[in-house]
C-alpha atoms as a PDB file:
ATOM      1  CA  MET A   1      50.536 -74.456  52.915  1.00  0.00           C
ATOM      2  CA  LYS A   2      47.466 -74.397  50.768  1.00  0.00           C
ATOM      3  CA  SER A   3      46.861 -70.669  51.450  1.00  0.00           C
ATOM      4  CA  ILE A   4      50.261 -69.985  50.078  1.00  0.00           C
ATOM      5  CA  LYS A   5      49.888 -71.674  46.876  1.00  0.00           C
ATOM      6  CA  GLU A   6      46.516 -70.062  46.248  1.00  0.00           C
ATOM      7  CA  THR A   7      48.042 -66.664  46.926  1.00  0.00           C
ATOM      8  CA  ILE A   8      50.789 -67.307  44.395  1.00  0.00           C
ATOM      9  CA  ILE A   9      48.326 -68.554  41.943  1.00  0.00           C
ATOM     10  CA  PHE A  10      45.974 -65.588  42.186  1.00  0.00           C
ATOM     11  CA  SER A  11      49.083 -63.259  41.957  1.00  0.00           C
ATOM     12  CA  LEU A  12      50.124 -64.875  38.798  1.00  0.00           C
ATOM     13  CA  ILE A  13      46.600 -64.511  37.370  1.00  0.00           C
ATOM     14  CA  ILE A  14      46.548 -60.762  38.136  1.00  0.00           C
ATOM     15  CA  ILE A  15      50.094 -60.497  36.445  1.00  0.00           C
ATOM     16  CA  SER A  16      48.790 -62.433  33.444  1.00  0.00           C
ATOM     17  CA  ILE A  17      45.871 -59.982  33.127  1.00  0.00           C
ATOM     18  CA  CYS A  18      48.052 -56.816  33.497  1.00  0.00           C
ATOM     19  CA  MET A  19      50.346 -58.119  30.842  1.00  0.00           C
ATOM     20  CA  LEU A  20      47.485 -58.916  28.567  1.00  0.00           C
ATOM     21  CA  GLY A  21      46.201 -55.342  28.899  1.00  0.00           C
ATOM     22  CA  THR A  22      49.639 -53.778  28.163  1.00  0.00           C
ATOM     23  CA  ILE A  23      50.083 -55.869  24.937  1.00  0.00           C
ATOM     24  CA  TYR A  24      46.635 -54.940  23.736  1.00  0.00           C
ATOM     25  CA  ALA A  25      47.479 -51.309  24.483  1.00  0.00           C
ATOM     26  CA  ILE A  26      50.738 -51.557  22.348  1.00  0.00           C
ATOM     27  CA  VAL A  27      48.931 -53.265  19.453  1.00  0.00           C
ATOM     28  CA  GLU A  28      46.191 -50.596  19.402  1.00  0.00           C
ATOM     29  CA  GLU A  29      48.670 -47.905  19.294  1.00  0.00           C
ATOM     30  CA  LYS A  30      50.781 -49.561  16.715  1.00  0.00           C
ATOM     31  CA  SER A  31      47.884 -50.112  14.421  1.00  0.00           C
ATOM     32  CA  THR A  32      46.826 -46.540  14.706  1.00  0.00           C
ATOM     33  CA  GLN A  33      50.443 -45.407  13.739  1.00  0.00           C
ATOM     34  CA  GLN A  34      50.426 -47.717  10.784  1.00  0.00           C
ATOM     35  CA  GLU A  35      46.999 -46.603   9.384  1.00  0.00           C
ATOM     36  CA  PRO A  36      47.506 -46.226   5.507  1.00  0.00           C
ATOM     37  CA  GLU A  37      47.061 -42.467   4.190  1.00  0.00           C
ATOM     38  CA  THR A  38      44.402 -41.600   1.928  1.00  0.00           C
ATOM     39  CA  ILE A  39      45.187 -39.257  -0.972  1.00  0.00           C
ATOM     40  CA  SER A  40      42.185 -37.593  -2.601  1.00  0.00           C
ATOM     41  CA  ILE A  41      42.466 -36.843  -6.353  1.00  0.00           C
ATOM     42  CA  GLU A  42      39.741 -34.746  -7.998  1.00  0.00           C
ATOM     43  CA  ALA A  43      38.499 -35.910 -11.456  1.00  0.00           C
ATOM     44  CA  PRO A  44      36.772 -33.478 -13.567  1.00  0.00           C
ATOM     45  CA  VAL A  45      33.401 -34.653 -14.799  1.00  0.00           C
ATOM     46  CA  GLU A  46      32.902 -35.462 -18.331  1.00  0.00           C
ATOM     47  CA  THR A  47      30.978 -32.409 -19.856  1.00  0.00           C
ATOM     48  CA  THR A  48      28.471 -33.223 -22.695  1.00  0.00           C
ATOM     49  CA  ALA A  49      25.880 -31.109 -24.421  1.00  0.00           C
ATOM     50  CA  SER A  50      23.150 -32.821 -22.116  1.00  0.00           C
ATOM     51  CA  ASN A  51      24.542 -31.957 -18.964  1.00  0.00           C
ATOM     52  CA  ILE A  52      25.757 -28.349 -19.245  1.00  0.00           C
ATOM     53  CA  GLU A  53      24.271 -26.241 -16.732  1.00  0.00           C
ATOM     54  CA  PRO A  54      24.835 -22.617 -15.556  1.00  0.00           C
ATOM     55  CA  THR A  55      26.395 -23.730 -12.313  1.00  0.00           C
ATOM     56  CA  ALA A  56      29.726 -25.507 -11.952  1.00  0.00           C
ATOM     57  CA  ALA A  57      29.812 -29.059 -12.675  1.00  0.00           C
ATOM     58  CA  PRO A  58      30.175 -31.169  -9.642  1.00  0.00           C
ATOM     59  CA  LYS A  59      33.323 -32.992  -8.914  1.00  0.00           C
ATOM     60  CA  LYS A  60      33.989 -36.538  -8.163  1.00  0.00           C
ATOM     61  CA  GLU A  61      36.543 -37.544  -5.545  1.00  0.00           C
ATOM     62  CA  LEU A  62      38.683 -40.535  -6.178  1.00  0.00           C
ATOM     63  CA  SER A  63      40.532 -41.936  -3.259  1.00  0.00           C
ATOM     64  CA  LEU A  64      43.584 -43.915  -3.549  1.00  0.00           C
ATOM     65  CA  SER A  65      44.966 -45.732  -0.589  1.00  0.00           C
ATOM     66  CA  LEU A  66      48.832 -46.000  -0.374  1.00  0.00           C
ATOM     67  CA  THR A  67      50.799 -47.603   2.320  1.00  0.00           C
ATOM     68  CA  ASP A  68      54.092 -46.261   3.859  1.00  0.00           C
ATOM     69  CA  SER A  69      56.002 -48.462   1.923  1.00  0.00           C
ATOM     70  CA  GLU A  70      54.312 -47.547  -1.305  1.00  0.00           C
ATOM     71  CA  ILE A  71      54.746 -43.910  -0.702  1.00  0.00           C
ATOM     72  CA  GLN A  72      58.468 -44.320   0.160  1.00  0.00           C
ATOM     73  CA  ASN A  73      59.016 -46.435  -3.163  1.00  0.00           C
ATOM     74  CA  MET A  74      57.332 -43.655  -5.151  1.00  0.00           C
ATOM     75  CA  ILE A  75      59.745 -40.749  -3.617  1.00  0.00           C
ATOM     76  CA  LYS A  76      62.692 -43.036  -4.305  1.00  0.00           C
ATOM     77  CA  THR A  77      61.760 -43.413  -7.826  1.00  0.00           C
ATOM     78  CA  SER A  78      60.833 -39.909  -8.390  1.00  0.00           C
ATOM     79  CA  ARG A  79      64.473 -38.767  -6.835  1.00  0.00           C
ATOM     80  CA  ALA A  80      66.067 -41.390  -9.148  1.00  0.00           C
ATOM     81  CA  ALA A  81      64.278 -40.180 -12.304  1.00  0.00           C
ATOM     82  CA  ASP A  82      65.240 -36.394 -11.365  1.00  0.00           C
ATOM     83  CA  GLU A  83      68.797 -37.232 -10.836  1.00  0.00           C
ATOM     84  CA  ALA A  84      68.988 -39.172 -14.041  1.00  0.00           C
ATOM     85  CA  ALA A  85      67.350 -36.176 -15.639  1.00  0.00           C
ATOM     86  CA  ARG A  86      69.958 -33.777 -14.137  1.00  0.00           C
ATOM     87  CA  GLU A  87      72.972 -35.930 -15.455  1.00  0.00           C
ATOM     88  CA  GLU A  88      71.455 -35.945 -18.868  1.00  0.00           C
ATOM     89  CA  TYR A  89      71.225 -32.207 -18.783  1.00  0.00           C
ATOM     90  CA  GLN A  90      74.642 -31.615 -17.756  1.00  0.00           C
ATOM     91  CA  ALA A  91      75.951 -33.939 -20.281  1.00  0.00           C
ATOM     92  CA  LEU A  92      74.131 -32.152 -22.957  1.00  0.00           C
ATOM     93  CA  LEU A  93      75.624 -28.908 -21.549  1.00  0.00           C
ATOM     94  CA  ASN A  94      79.062 -30.180 -21.687  1.00  0.00           C
ATOM     95  CA  THR A  95      78.645 -31.199 -25.458  1.00  0.00           C
ATOM     96  CA  GLY A  96      77.420 -27.565 -26.139  1.00  0.00           C
ATOM     97  CA  TYR A  97      74.170 -28.820 -27.899  1.00  0.00           C
ATOM     98  CA  VAL A  98      71.922 -26.951 -25.336  1.00  0.00           C
ATOM     99  CA  ARG A  99      72.285 -23.478 -23.689  1.00  0.00           C
ATOM    100  CA  PRO A 100      72.001 -23.122 -19.835  1.00  0.00           C
ATOM    101  CA  TRP A 101      68.505 -22.203 -18.753  1.00  0.00           C
ATOM    102  CA  ASN A 102      69.527 -18.793 -17.556  1.00  0.00           C
ATOM    103  CA  GLN A 103      71.354 -17.931 -20.783  1.00  0.00           C
ATOM    104  CA  PRO A 104      69.442 -15.608 -23.406  1.00  0.00           C
ATOM    105  CA  GLU A 105      68.362 -17.365 -26.371  1.00  0.00           C
ATOM    106  CA  GLU A 106      70.382 -16.502 -29.402  1.00  0.00           C
ATOM    107  CA  PRO A 107      68.447 -15.281 -32.456  1.00  0.00           C
ATOM    108  CA  GLU A 108      67.758 -18.000 -35.222  1.00  0.00           C
ATOM    109  CA  ILE A 109      69.925 -17.412 -38.377  1.00  0.00           C
ATOM    110  CA  ASN A 110      68.398 -18.333 -41.777  1.00  0.00           C
ATOM    111  CA  ILE A 111      71.376 -19.501 -43.685  1.00  0.00           C
ATOM    112  CA  GLU A 112      69.488 -19.222 -47.036  1.00  0.00           C
ATOM    113  CA  SER A 113      68.441 -15.688 -46.261  1.00  0.00           C
ATOM    114  CA  GLU A 114      71.968 -14.625 -45.310  1.00  0.00           C
ATOM    115  CA  GLU A 115      73.430 -16.081 -48.648  1.00  0.00           C
ATOM    116  CA  GLU A 116      70.602 -14.134 -50.647  1.00  0.00           C
ATOM    117  CA  ILE A 117      71.700 -11.048 -48.623  1.00  0.00           C
ATOM    118  CA  ILE A 118      75.356 -11.509 -49.534  1.00  0.00           C
ATOM    119  CA  GLU A 119      74.420 -12.042 -53.333  1.00  0.00           C
ATOM    120  CA  GLU A 120      72.232  -8.797 -53.311  1.00  0.00           C
ATOM    121  CA  THR A 121      75.210  -7.034 -51.753  1.00  0.00           C
ATOM    122  CA  VAL A 122      77.586  -8.181 -54.353  1.00  0.00           C
ATOM    123  CA  LEU A 123      75.214  -7.352 -57.126  1.00  0.00           C
ATOM    124  CA  GLU A 124      74.054  -4.049 -55.956  1.00  0.00           C
ATOM    125  CA  GLU A 125      77.523  -2.976 -54.508  1.00  0.00           C
ATOM    126  CA  GLU A 126      78.112   0.628 -55.525  1.00  0.00           C
ATOM    127  CA  PRO A 127      81.489   1.325 -57.186  1.00  0.00           C
ATOM    128  CA  VAL A 128      84.091   3.018 -55.247  1.00  0.00           C
ATOM    129  CA  SER A 129      84.242   6.745 -56.071  1.00  0.00           C
ATOM    130  CA  THR A 130      87.421   8.395 -57.380  1.00  0.00           C
ATOM    131  CA  PRO A 131      89.606   9.371 -54.480  1.00  0.00           C
ATOM    132  CA  ALA A 132      89.834  13.094 -53.868  1.00  0.00           C
ATOM    133  CA  PRO A 133      93.389  14.796 -54.911  1.00  0.00           C
ATOM    134  CA  ILE A 134      95.790  15.931 -52.633  1.00  0.00           C
ATOM    135  CA  LEU A 135      96.212  19.788 -53.031  1.00  0.00           C
ATOM    136  CA  LYS A 136      98.371  22.321 -51.180  1.00  0.00           C
ATOM    137  CA  ASP A 137      96.763  24.851 -48.972  1.00  0.00           C
ATOM    138  CA  SER A 138      97.717  27.793 -51.172  1.00  0.00           C
ATOM    139  CA  TYR A 139      99.182  28.388 -54.712  1.00  0.00           C
ATOM    140  CA  ASN A 140     100.971  31.192 -56.187  1.00  0.00           C
ATOM    141  CA  SER A 141      98.375  31.401 -58.960  1.00  0.00           C
ATOM    142  CA  LYS A 142      95.274  29.603 -60.412  1.00  0.00           C
ATOM    143  CA  ASP A 143      97.487  28.222 -63.236  1.00  0.00           C
ATOM    144  CA  GLU A 144      99.618  26.318 -60.628  1.00  0.00           C
ATOM    145  CA  LYS A 145      96.624  25.100 -58.796  1.00  0.00           C
ATOM    146  CA  TRP A 146      94.831  23.845 -61.934  1.00  0.00           C
ATOM    147  CA  ASP A 147      98.085  22.277 -63.237  1.00  0.00           C
ATOM    148  CA  ASP A 148      98.509  20.476 -60.032  1.00  0.00           C
ATOM    149  CA  LEU A 149      94.940  19.240 -59.876  1.00  0.00           C
ATOM    150  CA  PHE A 150      95.111  17.929 -63.622  1.00  0.00           C
ATOM    151  CA  ASN A 151      98.301  16.034 -62.967  1.00  0.00           C
ATOM    152  CA  SER A 152      96.829  14.307 -59.819  1.00  0.00           C
ATOM    153  CA  PHE A 153      94.778  12.213 -62.136  1.00  0.00           C
ATOM    154  CA  SER A 154      97.377  11.241 -64.532  1.00  0.00           C
ATOM    155  CA  ASP A 155      97.453   7.627 -63.109  1.00  0.00           C
ATOM    156  CA  TRP A 156      93.723   7.532 -63.462  1.00  0.00           C
ATOM    157  CA  ASN A 157      92.836   4.091 -65.482  1.00  0.00           C
ATOM    158  CA  GLY A 158      89.812   5.533 -67.203  1.00  0.00           C
ATOM    159  CA  ASP A 159      87.177   3.451 -65.711  1.00  0.00           C
ATOM    160  CA  THR A 160      83.962   5.448 -65.709  1.00  0.00           C
ATOM    161  CA  SER A 161      82.047   2.618 -64.005  1.00  0.00           C
ATOM    162  CA  SER A 162      82.425   4.652 -60.706  1.00  0.00           C
ATOM    163  CA  LEU A 163      81.912   8.158 -62.027  1.00  0.00           C
ATOM    164  CA  GLU A 164      78.999  10.543 -61.763  1.00  0.00           C
ATOM    165  CA  TYR A 165      77.262  10.854 -65.348  1.00  0.00           C
ATOM    166  CA  TYR A 166      76.996  14.392 -66.219  1.00  0.00           C
ATOM    167  CA  GLY A 167      75.167  13.585 -69.456  1.00  0.00           C
ATOM    168  CA  ASN A 168      75.436  13.341 -73.194  1.00  0.00           C
ATOM    169  CA  LYS A 169      76.548  16.929 -74.073  1.00  0.00           C
ATOM    170  CA  TYR A 170      77.090  18.975 -76.961  1.00  0.00           C
ATOM    171  CA  ILE A 171      80.664  20.015 -76.992  1.00  0.00           C
ATOM    172  CA  THR A 172      82.230  22.925 -79.064  1.00  0.00           C
ATOM    173  CA  GLY A 173      85.636  24.635 -79.040  1.00  0.00           C
ATOM    174  CA  TYR A 174      86.875  28.008 -78.568  1.00  0.00           C
ATOM    175  CA  ASP A 175      90.114  30.067 -78.392  1.00  0.00           C
ATOM    176  CA  ALA A 176      91.193  33.172 -77.094  1.00  0.00           C
ATOM    177  CA  CYS A 177      90.707  35.477 -80.176  1.00  0.00           C
ATOM    178  CA  TYR A 178      88.312  38.382 -80.384  1.00  0.00           C
ATOM    179  CA  SER A 179      85.516  36.589 -81.984  1.00  0.00           C
ATOM    180  CA  CYS A 180      85.410  33.963 -79.287  1.00  0.00           C
ATOM    181  CA  CYS A 181      86.321  35.842 -76.319  1.00  0.00           C
ATOM    182  CA  GLY A 182      85.822  39.686 -77.333  1.00  0.00           C
ATOM    183  CA  LYS A 183      89.211  40.400 -76.309  1.00  0.00           C
ATOM    184  CA  SER A 184      92.195  41.624 -78.567  1.00  0.00           C
ATOM    185  CA  SER A 185      95.755  40.669 -78.195  1.00  0.00           C
ATOM    186  CA  ASP A 186      96.948  43.707 -76.493  1.00  0.00           C
ATOM    187  CA  ASP A 187      94.160  43.336 -73.986  1.00  0.00           C
ATOM    188  CA  PRO A 188      95.619  42.872 -70.223  1.00  0.00           C
ATOM    189  CA  ASN A 189      92.891  40.141 -69.942  1.00  0.00           C
ATOM    190  CA  TYR A 190      93.688  38.624 -73.303  1.00  0.00           C
ATOM    191  CA  GLY A 191      93.625  34.701 -72.666  1.00  0.00           C
ATOM    192  CA  VAL A 192      92.512  35.174 -68.878  1.00  0.00           C
ATOM    193  CA  THR A 193      89.668  32.918 -67.794  1.00  0.00           C
ATOM    194  CA  ALA A 194      86.764  33.505 -65.410  1.00  0.00           C
ATOM    195  CA  SER A 195      88.614  31.783 -62.695  1.00  0.00           C
ATOM    196  CA  GLN A 196      91.793  34.230 -63.097  1.00  0.00           C
ATOM    197  CA  SER A 197      93.786  31.463 -64.827  1.00  0.00           C
ATOM    198  CA  HIS A 198      95.332  31.427 -68.245  1.00  0.00           C
ATOM    199  CA  VAL A 199      93.552  29.451 -70.988  1.00  0.00           C
ATOM    200  CA  LYS A 200      95.611  26.064 -71.674  1.00  0.00           C
ATOM    201  CA  MET A 201      95.233  23.502 -74.474  1.00  0.00           C
ATOM    202  CA  GLY A 202      94.336  20.031 -73.144  1.00  0.00           C
ATOM    203  CA  ARG A 203      93.314  21.592 -69.600  1.00  0.00           C
ATOM    204  CA  THR A 204      90.834  24.232 -69.612  1.00  0.00           C
ATOM    205  CA  CYS A 205      86.987  24.165 -70.509  1.00  0.00           C
ATOM    206  CA  ALA A 206      84.233  26.634 -69.939  1.00  0.00           C
ATOM    207  CA  VAL A 207      80.978  25.245 -68.353  1.00  0.00           C
ATOM    208  CA  ASN A 208      77.947  27.222 -66.853  1.00  0.00           C
ATOM    209  CA  GLY A 209      76.511  25.823 -63.685  1.00  0.00           C
ATOM    210  CA  LEU A 210      79.526  23.783 -62.313  1.00  0.00           C
ATOM    211  CA  THR A 211      82.137  25.011 -59.666  1.00  0.00           C
ATOM    212  CA  PHE A 212      85.351  26.045 -60.753  1.00  0.00           C
ATOM    213  CA  GLY A 213      87.865  23.372 -60.201  1.00  0.00           C
ATOM    214  CA  THR A 214      85.366  20.678 -61.416  1.00  0.00           C
ATOM    215  CA  VAL A 215      87.214  17.698 -63.149  1.00  0.00           C
ATOM    216  CA  LEU A 216      85.270  16.385 -65.977  1.00  0.00           C
ATOM    217  CA  TYR A 217      86.238  13.524 -68.425  1.00  0.00           C
ATOM    218  CA  ILE A 218      84.983  13.720 -71.901  1.00  0.00           C
ATOM    219  CA  GLU A 219      84.882  10.516 -73.715  1.00  0.00           C
ATOM    220  CA  GLY A 220      86.857  10.793 -76.856  1.00  0.00           C
ATOM    221  CA  ILE A 221      88.600  13.914 -75.679  1.00  0.00           C
ATOM    222  CA  GLY A 222      90.037  13.519 -72.346  1.00  0.00           C
ATOM    223  CA  ILE A 223      90.213  15.323 -68.900  1.00  0.00           C
ATOM    224  CA  ARG A 224      89.245  18.957 -68.639  1.00  0.00           C
ATOM    225  CA  ILE A 225      89.268  21.407 -65.706  1.00  0.00           C
ATOM    226  CA  VAL A 226      86.229  23.896 -65.410  1.00  0.00           C
ATOM    227  CA  GLU A 227      88.029  27.114 -65.379  1.00  0.00           C
ATOM    228  CA  ASP A 228      85.844  29.345 -67.531  1.00  0.00           C
ATOM    229  CA  ARG A 229      82.356  30.366 -68.412  1.00  0.00           C
ATOM    230  CA  GLY A 230      80.941  30.191 -71.859  1.00  0.00           C
ATOM    231  CA  GLY A 231      78.004  31.514 -73.796  1.00  0.00           C
ATOM    232  CA  MET A 232      76.581  27.807 -74.242  1.00  0.00           C
ATOM    233  CA  LYS A 233      73.269  26.805 -72.549  1.00  0.00           C
ATOM    234  CA  ASN A 234      71.879  23.581 -71.242  1.00  0.00           C
ATOM    235  CA  GLY A 235      75.063  22.692 -69.451  1.00  0.00           C
ATOM    236  CA  ASN A 236      76.761  22.123 -72.851  1.00  0.00           C
ATOM    237  CA  ILE A 237      80.673  22.641 -72.804  1.00  0.00           C
ATOM    238  CA  ASP A 238      83.172  24.900 -74.481  1.00  0.00           C
ATOM    239  CA  VAL A 239      86.609  23.247 -74.674  1.00  0.00           C
ATOM    240  CA  TYR A 240      89.565  25.501 -75.165  1.00  0.00           C
ATOM    241  CA  CYS A 241      91.685  25.132 -78.340  1.00  0.00           C
ATOM    242  CA  ASP A 242      94.749  26.839 -79.678  1.00  0.00           C
ATOM    243  CA  THR A 243      93.071  27.308 -83.255  1.00  0.00           C
ATOM    244  CA  HIS A 244      89.868  27.495 -84.971  1.00  0.00           C
ATOM    245  CA  ALA A 245      90.632  24.413 -86.881  1.00  0.00           C
ATOM    246  CA  GLN A 246      90.873  22.174 -83.728  1.00  0.00           C
ATOM    247  CA  CYS A 247      87.562  23.959 -82.555  1.00  0.00           C
ATOM    248  CA  TYR A 248      85.859  22.733 -85.531  1.00  0.00           C
ATOM    249  CA  GLU A 249      87.609  19.187 -85.529  1.00  0.00           C
ATOM    250  CA  LEU A 250      86.241  18.390 -82.010  1.00  0.00           C
ATOM    251  CA  THR A 251      82.696  19.903 -82.130  1.00  0.00           C
ATOM    252  CA  GLY A 252      80.134  17.094 -81.532  1.00  0.00           C
ATOM    253  CA  ILE A 253      78.121  15.146 -78.945  1.00  0.00           C
ATOM    254  CA  TYR A 254      80.067  13.238 -76.173  1.00  0.00           C
ATOM    255  CA  ASN A 255      79.356  11.380 -73.001  1.00  0.00           C
ATOM    256  CA  VAL A 256      80.632  13.424 -70.083  1.00  0.00           C
ATOM    257  CA  TYR A 257      81.471  12.301 -66.576  1.00  0.00           C
ATOM    258  CA  ILE A 258      82.485  14.171 -63.272  1.00  0.00           C
ATOM    259  CA  LEU A 259      85.718  12.828 -62.267  1.00  0.00           C
ATOM    260  CA  TRP A 260      85.849  15.045 -59.156  1.00  0.00           C
ATOM    261  CA  SER A 261      84.118  18.214 -57.676  1.00  0.00           C
ATOM    262  CA  PRO A 262      85.256  20.671 -54.972  1.00  0.00           C
ATOM    263  CA  ASP A 263      81.673  20.391 -53.788  1.00  0.00           C
ATOM    264  CA  TRP A 264      82.333  16.848 -52.546  1.00  0.00           C
ATOM    265  CA  VAL A 265      85.115  18.175 -50.211  1.00  0.00           C
END
């Protein structure tokens, strides 16, 4: 009976020793797994005039030990901040105060400079040129053509601000007589201009250097069409009149504008 008890006690002792060994092994393994991580942060060495050397400055290592729970808390905090930033950015996008990151940036508009440009444009705006008359493709005579051209400006309002200034010209008058044109009344070309039209009071003028059909406005006289060539120099103008008395009456210096020219077509 005594030997049986001793055997049982010995067995229990052996089992207890084995259990203690197993528990010790488990504790050792657990402690190894929960060993805290070590994060190394390199901090630059402060540089002064006394410690500058040709070689690179040594770096110090700072060790910061964090447990698993602390690392997890840092990750959660970072994710929460990132999510909050995303929500705020989306809210700004919805209001239109910011542009998406992949949308090109629009050039900045200087409102003051835009207003200055508009003002300058208004101040320096060029006047609208006189519209070209609508002429037919063909005419039976030059007289018909010049009459049509002259009448096309019958509605012109007399505003010279949009016209090309031809100059301050000396104006004289001429008629169809022999002393003015060198032709007698029985000459077949009596009263015929260089453009092959017939002289007409209130329409015909003679100018050297301007294309036939150029429409002039002579201040104080009116609209005239360049139909003839004259003996005047320096761009001065001869205006056709029916009598010598009319020629003498209009002779003088006038401002002359080009109302329209065939050269513009």
